[in-house]
Amino acid sequence: MSETNKLPDLESMVTRLLKEAESYAAVSGLNFFKESFEKQGWTGTAFEPWQARTNDLRPGGAILMDSGQLRDSLQILERGDLKIKYGTFSPYASIHNHGGVMMIPITKKSRKYFWYMYYRTKKELYRGLALTKKKSVRVQMPKRQFIGHSDTLMIQLDDWILNRIITRFKEI
């Protein structure tokens, strides 16, 4: 009697591998973007530290990490068709991620706040803002990227997928 070797079901193996890869990429991508807040910089092709604050109101505190709300707002927006889209609905995320110029209006309410902060901290910055004759203040936000395309992340995902393929074929 002859023994017949069964051919492996490659189609189901590929389908299973794609589902695993999508799940792994979703979780590891989200963790990768959240690590930017811990590392205080962005890792695209190489690590780029974020620019330090000019008016450090929280000396020793992490940049972009007052409450952690921005980091915690990162989520998967779309998933499927071999594509995962990450993002956030935080209104100030874009200005931090891309940098830019903001015009902040000076109102009676903001002047009261600036006086409050001046008396509390004794910093001349707040006194100047409370006494300014300007109707708005121009603030330049530096780019502090925490989400976007990263070659480092793509290499990590490629390595993981390659290792899974090798492992699967060894099991046959």
N, C-alpha and C. Protein backbone atom coordinates (compact mmCIF):
# COMPACT_ATOMS: atom_id res chain seq x y z
N MET A 1 0.82 -1.19 0.00
CA MET A 1 0.00 0.00 0.00
C MET A 1 0.86 1.25 0.00
N SER A 2 0.41 2.20 -0.70
CA SER A 2 1.16 3.44 -0.76
C SER A 2 0.47 4.51 0.09
N GLU A 3 1.26 5.27 0.72
CA GLU A 3 0.72 6.38 1.50
C GLU A 3 0.70 7.62 0.62
N THR A 4 -0.40 8.32 0.70
CA THR A 4 -0.49 9.56 -0.07
C THR A 4 -0.26 10.74 0.85
N ASN A 5 0.56 11.63 0.40
CA ASN A 5 0.78 12.85 1.17
C ASN A 5 -0.36 13.82 0.88
N LYS A 6 -0.92 14.32 1.95
CA LYS A 6 -1.99 15.30 1.79
C LYS A 6 -1.38 16.66 1.50
N LEU A 7 -1.97 17.33 0.54
CA LEU A 7 -1.53 18.69 0.25
C LEU A 7 -2.14 19.63 1.28
N PRO A 8 -1.34 20.55 1.79
CA PRO A 8 -1.90 21.49 2.76
C PRO A 8 -2.90 22.44 2.09
N ASP A 9 -3.85 22.86 2.87
CA ASP A 9 -4.86 23.80 2.37
C ASP A 9 -4.27 25.21 2.45
N LEU A 10 -3.59 25.60 1.40
CA LEU A 10 -2.89 26.89 1.38
C LEU A 10 -3.85 28.07 1.42
N GLU A 11 -5.00 27.91 0.81
CA GLU A 11 -5.96 29.02 0.77
C GLU A 11 -6.44 29.38 2.17
N SER A 12 -6.79 28.38 2.97
CA SER A 12 -7.24 28.67 4.34
C SER A 12 -6.08 29.17 5.20
N MET A 13 -4.88 28.67 4.90
CA MET A 13 -3.71 29.12 5.65
C MET A 13 -3.44 30.60 5.38
N VAL A 14 -3.56 31.02 4.15
CA VAL A 14 -3.34 32.42 3.79
C VAL A 14 -4.43 33.30 4.40
N THR A 15 -5.68 32.83 4.35
CA THR A 15 -6.79 33.59 4.93
C THR A 15 -6.58 33.79 6.43
N ARG A 16 -6.18 32.72 7.11
CA ARG A 16 -5.93 32.80 8.56
C ARG A 16 -4.77 33.74 8.86
N LEU A 17 -3.73 33.66 8.05
CA LEU A 17 -2.56 34.51 8.24
C LEU A 17 -2.91 35.99 8.03
N LEU A 18 -3.74 36.28 7.04
CA LEU A 18 -4.16 37.67 6.80
C LEU A 18 -4.96 38.22 7.97
N LYS A 19 -5.84 37.41 8.55
CA LYS A 19 -6.63 37.85 9.71
C LYS A 19 -5.72 38.11 10.91
N GLU A 20 -4.76 37.21 11.13
CA GLU A 20 -3.81 37.39 12.23
C GLU A 20 -2.97 38.64 12.01
N ALA A 21 -2.52 38.84 10.79
CA ALA A 21 -1.67 40.00 10.48
C ALA A 21 -2.44 41.30 10.68
N GLU A 22 -3.72 41.31 10.29
CA GLU A 22 -4.53 42.52 10.48
C GLU A 22 -4.71 42.82 11.96
N SER A 23 -4.99 41.80 12.76
CA SER A 23 -5.16 42.00 14.21
C SER A 23 -3.86 42.47 14.84
N TYR A 24 -2.75 41.82 14.46
CA TYR A 24 -1.46 42.20 15.03
C TYR A 24 -1.09 43.63 14.64
N ALA A 25 -1.30 43.98 13.37
CA ALA A 25 -0.96 45.32 12.89
C ALA A 25 -1.81 46.38 13.58
N ALA A 26 -3.08 46.07 13.83
CA ALA A 26 -3.96 47.04 14.48
C ALA A 26 -3.46 47.36 15.89
N VAL A 27 -3.16 46.34 16.65
CA VAL A 27 -2.72 46.54 18.03
C VAL A 27 -1.32 47.11 18.10
N SER A 28 -0.39 46.55 17.33
CA SER A 28 1.00 47.03 17.41
C SER A 28 1.13 48.45 16.86
N GLY A 29 0.34 48.80 15.85
CA GLY A 29 0.37 50.16 15.32
C GLY A 29 -0.11 51.17 16.34
N LEU A 30 -1.21 50.86 17.01
CA LEU A 30 -1.74 51.75 18.04
C LEU A 30 -0.74 51.92 19.17
N ASN A 31 -0.12 50.81 19.59
CA ASN A 31 0.90 50.88 20.65
C ASN A 31 2.12 51.68 20.19
N PHE A 32 2.50 51.53 18.93
CA PHE A 32 3.64 52.27 18.38
C PHE A 32 3.40 53.77 18.46
N PHE A 33 2.19 54.20 18.08
CA PHE A 33 1.88 55.63 18.11
C PHE A 33 1.80 56.15 19.54
N LYS A 34 1.30 55.35 20.45
CA LYS A 34 1.22 55.78 21.85
C LYS A 34 2.61 55.85 22.49
N GLU A 35 3.54 55.04 22.00
CA GLU A 35 4.92 55.08 22.52
C GLU A 35 5.60 56.42 22.22
N SER A 36 5.13 57.13 21.21
CA SER A 36 5.70 58.45 20.89
C SER A 36 5.59 59.38 22.09
N PHE A 37 4.51 59.25 22.85
CA PHE A 37 4.30 60.10 24.02
C PHE A 37 5.28 59.73 25.14
N GLU A 38 5.59 58.45 25.27
CA GLU A 38 6.55 58.02 26.29
C GLU A 38 7.98 58.39 25.89
N LYS A 39 8.30 58.23 24.60
CA LYS A 39 9.65 58.53 24.11
C LYS A 39 9.88 60.02 23.92
N GLN A 40 8.79 60.82 23.87
CA GLN A 40 8.86 62.26 23.64
C GLN A 40 9.46 62.58 22.28
N GLY A 41 9.01 61.82 21.26
CA GLY A 41 9.46 62.08 19.91
C GLY A 41 8.84 61.10 18.93
N TRP A 42 9.13 61.29 17.66
CA TRP A 42 8.55 60.48 16.59
C TRP A 42 9.62 59.60 15.97
N THR A 43 9.26 58.35 15.69
CA THR A 43 10.17 57.43 15.03
C THR A 43 9.62 57.13 13.64
N GLY A 44 10.10 57.87 12.65
CA GLY A 44 9.73 57.63 11.25
C GLY A 44 10.74 56.66 10.67
N THR A 45 11.80 57.20 10.09
CA THR A 45 12.92 56.36 9.67
C THR A 45 13.95 56.30 10.80
N ALA A 46 14.05 57.38 11.56
CA ALA A 46 14.92 57.45 12.74
C ALA A 46 14.19 58.26 13.80
N PHE A 47 14.64 58.17 15.03
CA PHE A 47 13.98 58.88 16.13
C PHE A 47 14.26 60.37 16.04
N GLU A 48 13.19 61.18 16.11
CA GLU A 48 13.30 62.64 16.11
C GLU A 48 12.65 63.17 17.38
N PRO A 49 13.44 63.64 18.35
CA PRO A 49 12.83 64.15 19.60
C PRO A 49 12.02 65.41 19.34
N TRP A 50 10.97 65.58 20.14
CA TRP A 50 10.13 66.76 20.03
C TRP A 50 10.87 67.99 20.55
N GLN A 51 10.54 69.14 19.97
CA GLN A 51 11.11 70.41 20.41
C GLN A 51 10.63 70.70 21.83
N ALA A 52 11.53 71.19 22.67
CA ALA A 52 11.18 71.51 24.05
C ALA A 52 10.24 72.72 24.09
N ARG A 53 9.49 72.84 25.16
CA ARG A 53 8.59 73.99 25.33
C ARG A 53 9.41 75.24 25.60
N THR A 54 8.95 76.38 25.08
CA THR A 54 9.65 77.64 25.34
C THR A 54 9.20 78.22 26.67
N ASN A 55 7.92 78.20 26.97
CA ASN A 55 7.40 78.65 28.26
C ASN A 55 6.95 77.41 29.03
N ASP A 56 7.86 76.85 29.79
CA ASP A 56 7.57 75.60 30.48
C ASP A 56 6.78 75.86 31.76
N LEU A 57 5.47 75.68 31.67
CA LEU A 57 4.61 75.90 32.83
C LEU A 57 4.59 74.69 33.76
N ARG A 58 5.05 73.55 33.24
CA ARG A 58 5.14 72.34 34.05
C ARG A 58 6.58 71.81 33.95
N PRO A 59 7.52 72.42 34.64
CA PRO A 59 8.92 71.98 34.52
C PRO A 59 9.06 70.50 34.89
N GLY A 60 9.77 69.77 34.04
CA GLY A 60 9.97 68.35 34.28
C GLY A 60 8.85 67.49 33.76
N GLY A 61 7.73 68.09 33.40
CA GLY A 61 6.60 67.33 32.88
C GLY A 61 6.82 66.94 31.43
N ALA A 62 6.22 65.83 31.03
CA ALA A 62 6.35 65.35 29.66
C ALA A 62 5.62 66.27 28.69
N ILE A 63 6.18 66.41 27.50
CA ILE A 63 5.57 67.24 26.46
C ILE A 63 4.33 66.52 25.94
N LEU A 64 3.26 67.26 25.67
CA LEU A 64 1.97 66.76 25.19
C LEU A 64 1.31 65.78 26.17
N MET A 65 1.71 65.82 27.44
CA MET A 65 1.17 64.85 28.39
C MET A 65 0.70 65.52 29.67
N ASP A 66 -0.18 66.51 29.58
CA ASP A 66 -0.71 67.12 30.79
C ASP A 66 -1.69 66.16 31.45
N SER A 67 -2.72 65.76 30.72
CA SER A 67 -3.71 64.83 31.26
C SER A 67 -3.63 63.46 30.60
N GLY A 68 -2.95 63.34 29.49
CA GLY A 68 -2.89 62.08 28.75
C GLY A 68 -4.08 61.89 27.82
N GLN A 69 -4.93 62.90 27.73
CA GLN A 69 -6.15 62.79 26.93
C GLN A 69 -5.84 62.63 25.44
N LEU A 70 -4.83 63.33 24.94
CA LEU A 70 -4.48 63.22 23.52
C LEU A 70 -3.99 61.81 23.20
N ARG A 71 -3.12 61.27 24.02
CA ARG A 71 -2.61 59.91 23.82
C ARG A 71 -3.75 58.90 23.89
N ASP A 72 -4.62 59.06 24.88
CA ASP A 72 -5.71 58.11 25.06
C ASP A 72 -6.78 58.23 23.98
N SER A 73 -6.80 59.34 23.24
CA SER A 73 -7.81 59.52 22.20
C SER A 73 -7.44 58.81 20.90
N LEU A 74 -6.20 58.33 20.78
CA LEU A 74 -5.79 57.62 19.57
C LEU A 74 -6.59 56.33 19.44
N GLN A 75 -7.07 56.06 18.23
CA GLN A 75 -7.89 54.87 18.01
C GLN A 75 -7.81 54.44 16.55
N ILE A 76 -8.37 53.26 16.30
CA ILE A 76 -8.47 52.75 14.94
C ILE A 76 -9.77 53.28 14.35
N LEU A 77 -9.66 54.06 13.28
CA LEU A 77 -10.85 54.65 12.65
C LEU A 77 -11.46 53.72 11.62
N GLU A 78 -10.63 53.05 10.83
CA GLU A 78 -11.10 52.11 9.81
C GLU A 78 -10.20 50.89 9.83
N ARG A 79 -10.82 49.74 9.52
CA ARG A 79 -10.05 48.51 9.51
C ARG A 79 -10.66 47.56 8.49
N GLY A 80 -9.84 47.03 7.60
CA GLY A 80 -10.31 46.08 6.60
C GLY A 80 -9.66 46.32 5.26
N ASP A 81 -9.86 45.36 4.34
CA ASP A 81 -9.30 45.44 2.99
C ASP A 81 -7.79 45.70 3.02
N LEU A 82 -7.11 45.00 3.91
CA LEU A 82 -5.65 45.10 4.05
C LEU A 82 -5.18 46.52 4.33
N LYS A 83 -6.03 47.28 5.04
CA LYS A 83 -5.69 48.67 5.36
C LYS A 83 -6.23 48.99 6.75
N ILE A 84 -5.44 49.72 7.53
CA ILE A 84 -5.86 50.16 8.86
C ILE A 84 -5.63 51.66 8.92
N LYS A 85 -6.65 52.40 9.34
CA LYS A 85 -6.53 53.85 9.44
C LYS A 85 -6.63 54.23 10.91
N TYR A 86 -5.59 54.90 11.41
CA TYR A 86 -5.55 55.36 12.79
C TYR A 86 -5.86 56.84 12.83
N GLY A 87 -6.34 57.31 13.96
CA GLY A 87 -6.61 58.74 14.08
C GLY A 87 -7.15 59.08 15.45
N THR A 88 -7.64 60.31 15.56
CA THR A 88 -8.20 60.80 16.80
C THR A 88 -9.25 61.85 16.47
N PHE A 89 -10.20 62.02 17.35
CA PHE A 89 -11.21 63.06 17.17
C PHE A 89 -10.92 64.26 18.06
N SER A 90 -9.75 64.28 18.68
CA SER A 90 -9.36 65.39 19.53
C SER A 90 -9.18 66.65 18.67
N PRO A 91 -9.81 67.77 19.05
CA PRO A 91 -9.76 68.96 18.20
C PRO A 91 -8.37 69.57 18.06
N TYR A 92 -7.48 69.34 19.01
CA TYR A 92 -6.16 69.96 18.96
C TYR A 92 -5.07 69.00 18.48
N ALA A 93 -5.44 67.80 18.09
CA ALA A 93 -4.44 66.81 17.67
C ALA A 93 -3.70 67.24 16.41
N SER A 94 -4.41 67.79 15.45
CA SER A 94 -3.80 68.16 14.17
C SER A 94 -2.74 69.24 14.33
N ILE A 95 -3.01 70.26 15.12
CA ILE A 95 -2.04 71.35 15.29
C ILE A 95 -0.77 70.85 15.98
N HIS A 96 -0.90 69.89 16.89
CA HIS A 96 0.28 69.32 17.53
C HIS A 96 1.04 68.41 16.57
N ASN A 97 0.32 67.59 15.80
CA ASN A 97 0.96 66.63 14.92
C ASN A 97 1.65 67.30 13.73
N HIS A 98 1.06 68.34 13.18
CA HIS A 98 1.61 68.99 11.99
C HIS A 98 2.28 70.33 12.26
N GLY A 99 2.01 70.93 13.42
CA GLY A 99 2.52 72.27 13.71
C GLY A 99 1.72 73.31 12.96
N GLY A 100 1.95 74.57 13.26
CA GLY A 100 1.25 75.63 12.56
C GLY A 100 1.08 76.86 13.43
N VAL A 101 0.28 77.79 12.92
CA VAL A 101 0.05 79.06 13.60
C VAL A 101 -1.40 79.12 14.04
N MET A 102 -1.61 79.57 15.29
CA MET A 102 -2.96 79.76 15.81
C MET A 102 -3.12 81.23 16.20
N MET A 103 -4.30 81.76 15.95
CA MET A 103 -4.63 83.10 16.40
C MET A 103 -5.61 82.95 17.56
N ILE A 104 -5.18 83.31 18.77
CA ILE A 104 -6.01 83.16 19.96
C ILE A 104 -6.62 84.52 20.29
N PRO A 105 -7.96 84.61 20.28
CA PRO A 105 -8.60 85.89 20.59
C PRO A 105 -8.44 86.24 22.07
N ILE A 106 -8.22 87.52 22.36
CA ILE A 106 -8.12 88.01 23.74
C ILE A 106 -9.47 88.62 24.10
N THR A 107 -10.18 87.97 25.01
CA THR A 107 -11.51 88.43 25.44
C THR A 107 -11.45 88.89 26.88
N LYS A 108 -12.55 89.45 27.38
CA LYS A 108 -12.60 89.85 28.80
C LYS A 108 -12.38 88.64 29.70
N LYS A 109 -12.98 87.54 29.31
CA LYS A 109 -12.85 86.32 30.11
C LYS A 109 -11.40 85.84 30.14
N SER A 110 -10.73 85.89 28.99
CA SER A 110 -9.33 85.44 28.96
C SER A 110 -8.44 86.39 29.75
N ARG A 111 -8.75 87.70 29.71
CA ARG A 111 -7.96 88.65 30.51
C ARG A 111 -8.09 88.34 32.00
N LYS A 112 -9.31 87.99 32.45
CA LYS A 112 -9.51 87.61 33.85
C LYS A 112 -8.67 86.38 34.20
N TYR A 113 -8.66 85.43 33.27
CA TYR A 113 -7.87 84.22 33.48
C TYR A 113 -6.38 84.56 33.57
N PHE A 114 -5.91 85.44 32.68
CA PHE A 114 -4.50 85.81 32.71
C PHE A 114 -4.13 86.52 34.02
N TRP A 115 -5.02 87.39 34.54
CA TRP A 115 -4.77 88.02 35.84
C TRP A 115 -4.72 86.96 36.94
N TYR A 116 -5.65 86.02 36.89
CA TYR A 116 -5.66 84.94 37.88
C TYR A 116 -4.34 84.17 37.85
N MET A 117 -3.87 83.82 36.65
CA MET A 117 -2.62 83.07 36.52
C MET A 117 -1.42 83.92 36.94
N TYR A 118 -1.48 85.23 36.67
CA TYR A 118 -0.38 86.10 37.08
C TYR A 118 -0.27 86.13 38.61
N TYR A 119 -1.40 86.31 39.30
CA TYR A 119 -1.36 86.36 40.76
C TYR A 119 -0.97 85.01 41.36
N ARG A 120 -1.33 83.95 40.68
CA ARG A 120 -1.02 82.61 41.19
C ARG A 120 0.44 82.24 40.96
N THR A 121 0.98 82.59 39.78
CA THR A 121 2.34 82.15 39.43
C THR A 121 3.39 83.26 39.48
N LYS A 122 2.96 84.52 39.46
CA LYS A 122 3.86 85.68 39.43
C LYS A 122 4.72 85.71 38.17
N LYS A 123 4.25 85.12 37.09
CA LYS A 123 4.99 85.13 35.83
C LYS A 123 4.53 86.33 35.00
N GLU A 124 5.51 87.10 34.53
CA GLU A 124 5.23 88.32 33.77
C GLU A 124 4.52 88.03 32.45
N LEU A 125 4.66 86.83 31.94
CA LEU A 125 3.98 86.44 30.71
C LEU A 125 2.47 86.68 30.84
N TYR A 126 1.90 86.27 31.95
CA TYR A 126 0.45 86.41 32.15
C TYR A 126 0.05 87.88 32.34
N ARG A 127 0.89 88.64 33.02
CA ARG A 127 0.60 90.07 33.21
C ARG A 127 0.58 90.77 31.86
N GLY A 128 1.56 90.42 31.03
CA GLY A 128 1.62 91.01 29.69
C GLY A 128 0.40 90.66 28.85
N LEU A 129 -0.06 89.42 28.94
CA LEU A 129 -1.25 89.01 28.19
C LEU A 129 -2.51 89.70 28.72
N ALA A 130 -2.57 89.92 30.03
CA ALA A 130 -3.74 90.59 30.61
C ALA A 130 -3.79 92.06 30.21
N LEU A 131 -2.64 92.69 30.05
CA LEU A 131 -2.59 94.12 29.75
C LEU A 131 -2.46 94.46 28.26
N THR A 132 -2.30 93.47 27.43
CA THR A 132 -2.09 93.74 26.00
C THR A 132 -3.29 94.45 25.37
N LYS A 133 -2.99 95.30 24.41
CA LYS A 133 -4.04 96.02 23.68
C LYS A 133 -4.50 95.22 22.46
N LYS A 134 -3.79 94.15 22.16
CA LYS A 134 -4.12 93.35 20.98
C LYS A 134 -5.47 92.65 21.16
N LYS A 135 -6.12 92.43 20.04
CA LYS A 135 -7.40 91.70 20.04
C LYS A 135 -7.18 90.19 19.93
N SER A 136 -6.00 89.80 19.44
CA SER A 136 -5.66 88.38 19.34
C SER A 136 -4.14 88.22 19.43
N VAL A 137 -3.72 87.03 19.80
CA VAL A 137 -2.30 86.72 19.95
C VAL A 137 -1.96 85.59 18.99
N ARG A 138 -0.85 85.74 18.29
CA ARG A 138 -0.39 84.73 17.34
C ARG A 138 0.53 83.75 18.08
N VAL A 139 0.20 82.47 18.01
CA VAL A 139 1.01 81.43 18.67
C VAL A 139 1.51 80.46 17.61
N GLN A 140 2.81 80.26 17.56
CA GLN A 140 3.44 79.32 16.64
C GLN A 140 3.62 77.98 17.36
N MET A 141 2.92 76.95 16.89
CA MET A 141 3.04 75.61 17.49
C MET A 141 4.06 74.82 16.68
N PRO A 142 5.09 74.27 17.33
CA PRO A 142 6.05 73.45 16.59
C PRO A 142 5.44 72.09 16.25
N LYS A 143 5.98 71.47 15.21
CA LYS A 143 5.51 70.14 14.82
C LYS A 143 6.03 69.13 15.84
N ARG A 144 5.10 68.41 16.44
CA ARG A 144 5.44 67.33 17.37
C ARG A 144 4.65 66.10 16.93
N GLN A 145 5.15 65.47 15.87
CA GLN A 145 4.41 64.36 15.25
C GLN A 145 4.34 63.16 16.18
N PHE A 146 3.15 62.57 16.27
CA PHE A 146 2.96 61.37 17.08
C PHE A 146 2.23 60.29 16.30
N ILE A 147 1.71 60.62 15.12
CA ILE A 147 1.00 59.64 14.30
C ILE A 147 1.25 59.94 12.83
N GLY A 148 1.35 58.90 12.02
CA GLY A 148 1.60 59.06 10.59
C GLY A 148 2.33 57.85 10.05
N HIS A 149 2.78 57.94 8.81
CA HIS A 149 3.50 56.82 8.20
C HIS A 149 4.88 56.70 8.84
N SER A 150 5.24 55.47 9.21
CA SER A 150 6.54 55.23 9.82
C SER A 150 7.19 54.03 9.15
N ASP A 151 8.37 54.24 8.58
CA ASP A 151 9.11 53.14 7.97
C ASP A 151 9.51 52.12 9.03
N THR A 152 9.82 52.58 10.23
CA THR A 152 10.20 51.68 11.32
C THR A 152 9.07 50.73 11.66
N LEU A 153 7.85 51.25 11.76
CA LEU A 153 6.69 50.41 12.04
C LEU A 153 6.46 49.41 10.92
N MET A 154 6.59 49.86 9.68
CA MET A 154 6.36 48.96 8.54
C MET A 154 7.39 47.83 8.52
N ILE A 155 8.63 48.13 8.87
CA ILE A 155 9.67 47.09 8.93
C ILE A 155 9.34 46.09 10.03
N GLN A 156 8.88 46.58 11.19
CA GLN A 156 8.49 45.68 12.28
C GLN A 156 7.36 44.76 11.85
N LEU A 157 6.36 45.31 11.16
CA LEU A 157 5.24 44.50 10.69
C LEU A 157 5.69 43.49 9.64
N ASP A 158 6.56 43.91 8.72
CA ASP A 158 7.08 42.99 7.70
C ASP A 158 7.84 41.83 8.35
N ASP A 159 8.66 42.13 9.36
CA ASP A 159 9.41 41.09 10.07
C ASP A 159 8.46 40.11 10.75
N TRP A 160 7.42 40.63 11.39
CA TRP A 160 6.46 39.76 12.09
C TRP A 160 5.76 38.84 11.10
N ILE A 161 5.30 39.40 9.97
CA ILE A 161 4.60 38.59 8.97
C ILE A 161 5.52 37.53 8.39
N LEU A 162 6.75 37.89 8.09
CA LEU A 162 7.72 36.93 7.56
C LEU A 162 7.95 35.79 8.56
N ASN A 163 8.11 36.12 9.84
CA ASN A 163 8.30 35.09 10.86
C ASN A 163 7.08 34.18 10.97
N ARG A 164 5.88 34.74 10.86
CA ARG A 164 4.65 33.93 10.92
C ARG A 164 4.57 32.99 9.71
N ILE A 165 4.95 33.46 8.53
CA ILE A 165 4.92 32.61 7.34
C ILE A 165 5.90 31.46 7.50
N ILE A 166 7.11 31.77 7.96
CA ILE A 166 8.11 30.72 8.17
C ILE A 166 7.62 29.71 9.19
N THR A 167 7.03 30.19 10.29
CA THR A 167 6.51 29.29 11.32
C THR A 167 5.42 28.39 10.76
N ARG A 168 4.52 28.96 9.98
CA ARG A 168 3.41 28.18 9.40
C ARG A 168 3.92 27.09 8.46
N PHE A 169 4.92 27.41 7.65
CA PHE A 169 5.42 26.42 6.71
C PHE A 169 6.24 25.34 7.42
N LYS A 170 6.80 25.64 8.56
CA LYS A 170 7.50 24.62 9.33
C LYS A 170 6.52 23.64 9.96
N GLU A 171 5.29 24.12 10.23
CA GLU A 171 4.26 23.26 10.82
C GLU A 171 3.71 22.24 9.83
N ILE A 172 3.90 22.48 8.55
CA ILE A 172 3.35 21.58 7.53
C ILE A 172 4.10 20.27 7.51
